[in-house]
Amino acid sequence: MTDTTESQAADQSRRSIDREAQKRSHAEVRALLDELIEAFPASFKPHGAKGQPPLAIGVEADILLHRPHIDPAPLSLALQVYTAGPEYTAA
C-alpha cells in the first residue's frame, strides 16, 4: 500500500469511528432526556410538547445533586439539545 492509500484508509477508519461515537452520543443524550422528562415532569416536557417552561439558572447542578449517577458531560450536552429545540425557544 502506498502512503496515500494508507492515509485514505486511516481517514476512512477515523470517520467511521466518529460516526459510531456520534450515534452512541445521540442515543445517550436521548436516553438522558427521557430520564429527565420522567424524573422532573414540571421542568422537562417531551419533544413536541407545548409550553415548555424555561429552565432555572443552575439546573445542571441541581440535577447532579439529585441524580449523582449522571455523568456531567452528557448532561451538559442533553441540556444544550433540549434548550436549542424549537419547542423550548418558542416558549
N, C-alpha and C. Protein backbone atom coordinates (compact mmCIF):
# COMPACT_ATOMS: atom_id res chain seq x y z
N MET A 1 0.83 -1.17 0.00
CA MET A 1 0.00 0.00 0.00
C MET A 1 0.88 1.24 0.00
N THR A 2 0.42 2.25 -0.72
CA THR A 2 1.19 3.50 -0.75
C THR A 2 0.83 4.34 0.47
N ASP A 3 1.65 5.35 0.71
CA ASP A 3 1.38 6.24 1.84
C ASP A 3 0.02 6.92 1.69
N THR A 4 -0.32 7.30 0.46
CA THR A 4 -1.61 7.96 0.21
C THR A 4 -2.76 7.01 0.49
N THR A 5 -2.65 5.79 0.03
CA THR A 5 -3.69 4.79 0.26
C THR A 5 -3.84 4.50 1.74
N GLU A 6 -2.73 4.38 2.44
CA GLU A 6 -2.78 4.14 3.89
C GLU A 6 -3.42 5.32 4.61
N SER A 7 -3.09 6.52 4.18
CA SER A 7 -3.65 7.73 4.78
C SER A 7 -5.16 7.79 4.53
N GLN A 8 -5.58 7.46 3.32
CA GLN A 8 -7.01 7.46 3.00
C GLN A 8 -7.74 6.40 3.82
N ALA A 9 -7.15 5.23 3.97
CA ALA A 9 -7.76 4.17 4.77
C ALA A 9 -7.87 4.60 6.23
N ALA A 10 -6.84 5.25 6.74
CA ALA A 10 -6.87 5.72 8.12
C ALA A 10 -7.94 6.79 8.31
N ASP A 11 -8.05 7.70 7.33
CA ASP A 11 -9.08 8.74 7.40
C ASP A 11 -10.48 8.13 7.38
N GLN A 12 -10.68 7.14 6.53
CA GLN A 12 -11.98 6.48 6.45
C GLN A 12 -12.29 5.77 7.76
N SER A 13 -11.31 5.13 8.34
CA SER A 13 -11.49 4.45 9.61
C SER A 13 -11.86 5.44 10.71
N ARG A 14 -11.18 6.58 10.74
CA ARG A 14 -11.49 7.61 11.74
C ARG A 14 -12.90 8.14 11.56
N ARG A 15 -13.32 8.37 10.33
CA ARG A 15 -14.68 8.85 10.07
C ARG A 15 -15.70 7.83 10.53
N SER A 16 -15.44 6.57 10.29
CA SER A 16 -16.34 5.51 10.71
C SER A 16 -16.45 5.48 12.23
N ILE A 17 -15.33 5.60 12.91
CA ILE A 17 -15.32 5.63 14.38
C ILE A 17 -16.07 6.86 14.88
N ASP A 18 -15.86 8.01 14.23
CA ASP A 18 -16.57 9.24 14.61
C ASP A 18 -18.07 9.08 14.45
N ARG A 19 -18.52 8.44 13.36
CA ARG A 19 -19.95 8.23 13.15
C ARG A 19 -20.53 7.33 14.24
N GLU A 20 -19.81 6.29 14.59
CA GLU A 20 -20.27 5.40 15.66
C GLU A 20 -20.35 6.14 16.99
N ALA A 21 -19.36 6.97 17.28
CA ALA A 21 -19.37 7.75 18.52
C ALA A 21 -20.54 8.72 18.53
N GLN A 22 -20.84 9.33 17.39
CA GLN A 22 -21.97 10.24 17.32
C GLN A 22 -23.29 9.50 17.55
N LYS A 23 -23.41 8.30 17.00
CA LYS A 23 -24.63 7.51 17.21
C LYS A 23 -24.80 7.17 18.68
N ARG A 24 -23.69 6.74 19.32
CA ARG A 24 -23.76 6.42 20.75
C ARG A 24 -24.09 7.66 21.56
N SER A 25 -23.47 8.78 21.21
CA SER A 25 -23.70 10.03 21.91
C SER A 25 -25.16 10.45 21.77
N HIS A 26 -25.70 10.35 20.56
CA HIS A 26 -27.09 10.72 20.32
C HIS A 26 -28.02 9.83 21.15
N ALA A 27 -27.76 8.54 21.16
CA ALA A 27 -28.59 7.62 21.94
C ALA A 27 -28.48 7.91 23.43
N GLU A 28 -27.29 8.23 23.89
CA GLU A 28 -27.09 8.54 25.31
C GLU A 28 -27.82 9.83 25.69
N VAL A 29 -27.76 10.83 24.84
CA VAL A 29 -28.45 12.10 25.10
C VAL A 29 -29.96 11.87 25.11
N ARG A 30 -30.46 11.10 24.14
CA ARG A 30 -31.90 10.82 24.08
C ARG A 30 -32.36 10.10 25.35
N ALA A 31 -31.60 9.09 25.78
CA ALA A 31 -31.95 8.35 27.00
C ALA A 31 -31.91 9.26 28.22
N LEU A 32 -30.94 10.13 28.27
CA LEU A 32 -30.82 11.05 29.40
C LEU A 32 -31.98 12.04 29.40
N LEU A 33 -32.35 12.56 28.24
CA LEU A 33 -33.51 13.45 28.18
C LEU A 33 -34.78 12.73 28.60
N ASP A 34 -34.94 11.48 28.19
CA ASP A 34 -36.10 10.70 28.62
C ASP A 34 -36.12 10.55 30.14
N GLU A 35 -34.95 10.31 30.74
CA GLU A 35 -34.86 10.20 32.20
C GLU A 35 -35.24 11.52 32.87
N LEU A 36 -34.77 12.63 32.33
CA LEU A 36 -35.09 13.93 32.91
C LEU A 36 -36.58 14.24 32.79
N ILE A 37 -37.17 13.90 31.67
CA ILE A 37 -38.61 14.12 31.47
C ILE A 37 -39.41 13.32 32.49
N GLU A 38 -38.99 12.09 32.73
CA GLU A 38 -39.70 11.25 33.70
C GLU A 38 -39.45 11.71 35.14
N ALA A 39 -38.22 12.08 35.46
CA ALA A 39 -37.87 12.44 36.83
C ALA A 39 -38.34 13.84 37.21
N PHE A 40 -38.37 14.75 36.25
CA PHE A 40 -38.71 16.15 36.53
C PHE A 40 -39.78 16.65 35.55
N PRO A 41 -41.01 16.10 35.63
CA PRO A 41 -42.03 16.43 34.63
C PRO A 41 -42.47 17.90 34.66
N ALA A 42 -42.29 18.59 35.76
CA ALA A 42 -42.67 20.01 35.81
C ALA A 42 -41.66 20.88 35.06
N SER A 43 -40.45 20.39 34.91
CA SER A 43 -39.39 21.18 34.26
C SER A 43 -39.11 20.76 32.83
N PHE A 44 -39.22 19.46 32.56
CA PHE A 44 -38.87 18.93 31.23
C PHE A 44 -40.11 18.32 30.59
N LYS A 45 -40.36 18.72 29.36
CA LYS A 45 -41.51 18.22 28.60
C LYS A 45 -41.00 17.39 27.42
N PRO A 46 -41.80 16.40 27.00
CA PRO A 46 -41.39 15.58 25.85
C PRO A 46 -41.26 16.41 24.58
N HIS A 47 -40.47 15.90 23.65
CA HIS A 47 -40.29 16.55 22.35
C HIS A 47 -41.65 16.76 21.71
N GLY A 48 -41.90 17.96 21.26
CA GLY A 48 -43.15 18.27 20.60
C GLY A 48 -44.21 18.83 21.53
N ALA A 49 -43.99 18.77 22.84
CA ALA A 49 -44.97 19.28 23.80
C ALA A 49 -44.99 20.80 23.78
N LYS A 50 -46.15 21.35 23.98
CA LYS A 50 -46.30 22.80 24.02
C LYS A 50 -46.05 23.30 25.44
N GLY A 51 -45.62 24.53 25.55
CA GLY A 51 -45.49 25.16 26.86
C GLY A 51 -44.33 24.67 27.69
N GLN A 52 -43.18 24.51 27.07
CA GLN A 52 -42.01 24.10 27.85
C GLN A 52 -41.53 25.28 28.68
N PRO A 53 -41.52 25.13 30.00
CA PRO A 53 -41.09 26.25 30.84
C PRO A 53 -39.58 26.47 30.75
N PRO A 54 -39.14 27.71 30.96
CA PRO A 54 -37.70 27.94 30.97
C PRO A 54 -37.06 27.21 32.14
N LEU A 55 -35.87 26.72 31.93
CA LEU A 55 -35.16 26.03 32.99
C LEU A 55 -34.50 27.05 33.91
N ALA A 56 -34.43 26.72 35.18
CA ALA A 56 -33.82 27.60 36.16
C ALA A 56 -32.31 27.71 35.94
N ILE A 57 -31.77 28.86 36.26
CA ILE A 57 -30.32 29.01 36.24
C ILE A 57 -29.76 28.04 37.29
N GLY A 58 -28.76 27.29 36.92
CA GLY A 58 -28.17 26.32 37.84
C GLY A 58 -28.86 24.97 37.85
N VAL A 59 -29.76 24.74 36.89
CA VAL A 59 -30.49 23.47 36.86
C VAL A 59 -29.54 22.28 36.72
N GLU A 60 -28.44 22.47 36.03
CA GLU A 60 -27.49 21.37 35.84
C GLU A 60 -26.94 20.90 37.19
N ALA A 61 -26.58 21.83 38.06
CA ALA A 61 -26.07 21.47 39.39
C ALA A 61 -27.15 20.79 40.22
N ASP A 62 -28.39 21.27 40.11
CA ASP A 62 -29.50 20.66 40.85
C ASP A 62 -29.74 19.22 40.40
N ILE A 63 -29.68 19.01 39.10
CA ILE A 63 -29.88 17.65 38.57
C ILE A 63 -28.79 16.73 39.09
N LEU A 64 -27.54 17.19 39.03
CA LEU A 64 -26.43 16.36 39.51
C LEU A 64 -26.54 16.08 41.00
N LEU A 65 -27.09 17.01 41.76
CA LEU A 65 -27.29 16.81 43.19
C LEU A 65 -28.31 15.70 43.44
N HIS A 66 -29.39 15.70 42.67
CA HIS A 66 -30.46 14.71 42.87
C HIS A 66 -30.27 13.43 42.07
N ARG A 67 -29.41 13.47 41.08
CA ARG A 67 -29.13 12.30 40.25
C ARG A 67 -27.61 12.16 40.10
N PRO A 68 -26.91 11.77 41.18
CA PRO A 68 -25.44 11.73 41.15
C PRO A 68 -24.86 10.71 40.17
N HIS A 69 -25.68 9.77 39.71
CA HIS A 69 -25.19 8.77 38.76
C HIS A 69 -25.01 9.34 37.35
N ILE A 70 -25.55 10.51 37.10
CA ILE A 70 -25.47 11.10 35.76
C ILE A 70 -24.10 11.72 35.55
N ASP A 71 -23.52 11.42 34.40
CA ASP A 71 -22.23 11.98 34.00
C ASP A 71 -22.44 13.43 33.56
N PRO A 72 -21.67 14.38 34.11
CA PRO A 72 -21.87 15.80 33.78
C PRO A 72 -21.72 16.14 32.30
N ALA A 73 -20.81 15.50 31.59
CA ALA A 73 -20.60 15.85 30.18
C ALA A 73 -21.83 15.54 29.32
N PRO A 74 -22.38 14.33 29.38
CA PRO A 74 -23.60 14.07 28.60
C PRO A 74 -24.78 14.92 29.08
N LEU A 75 -24.84 15.22 30.39
CA LEU A 75 -25.91 16.08 30.89
C LEU A 75 -25.83 17.46 30.25
N SER A 76 -24.64 18.01 30.20
CA SER A 76 -24.46 19.32 29.58
C SER A 76 -24.91 19.30 28.12
N LEU A 77 -24.54 18.26 27.41
CA LEU A 77 -24.95 18.13 26.01
C LEU A 77 -26.46 17.97 25.90
N ALA A 78 -27.05 17.17 26.78
CA ALA A 78 -28.50 16.97 26.76
C ALA A 78 -29.24 18.29 27.01
N LEU A 79 -28.75 19.08 27.94
CA LEU A 79 -29.38 20.38 28.21
C LEU A 79 -29.23 21.32 27.02
N GLN A 80 -28.09 21.26 26.34
CA GLN A 80 -27.91 22.08 25.14
C GLN A 80 -28.90 21.68 24.06
N VAL A 81 -29.06 20.37 23.86
CA VAL A 81 -30.00 19.87 22.86
C VAL A 81 -31.42 20.29 23.23
N TYR A 82 -31.79 20.12 24.50
CA TYR A 82 -33.15 20.44 24.96
C TYR A 82 -33.46 21.92 24.76
N THR A 83 -32.54 22.79 25.17
CA THR A 83 -32.81 24.22 25.10
C THR A 83 -32.66 24.80 23.70
N ALA A 84 -32.08 24.05 22.78
CA ALA A 84 -31.94 24.51 21.40
C ALA A 84 -33.14 24.12 20.55
N GLY A 85 -34.00 23.25 21.07
CA GLY A 85 -35.15 22.78 20.31
C GLY A 85 -36.17 23.88 20.06
N PRO A 86 -36.91 23.77 18.97
CA PRO A 86 -37.88 24.82 18.62
C PRO A 86 -39.00 24.98 19.65
N GLU A 87 -39.38 23.90 20.31
CA GLU A 87 -40.43 23.99 21.32
C GLU A 87 -39.97 24.83 22.51
N TYR A 88 -38.70 24.69 22.86
CA TYR A 88 -38.15 25.43 24.00
C TYR A 88 -37.94 26.89 23.64
N THR A 89 -37.36 27.14 22.49
CA THR A 89 -37.04 28.52 22.12
C THR A 89 -38.29 29.33 21.78
N ALA A 90 -39.38 28.66 21.43
CA ALA A 90 -40.63 29.36 21.12
C ALA A 90 -41.41 29.72 22.38
N ALA A 91 -41.06 29.08 23.49
CA ALA A 91 -41.82 29.32 24.74
C ALA A 91 -41.52 30.68 25.32
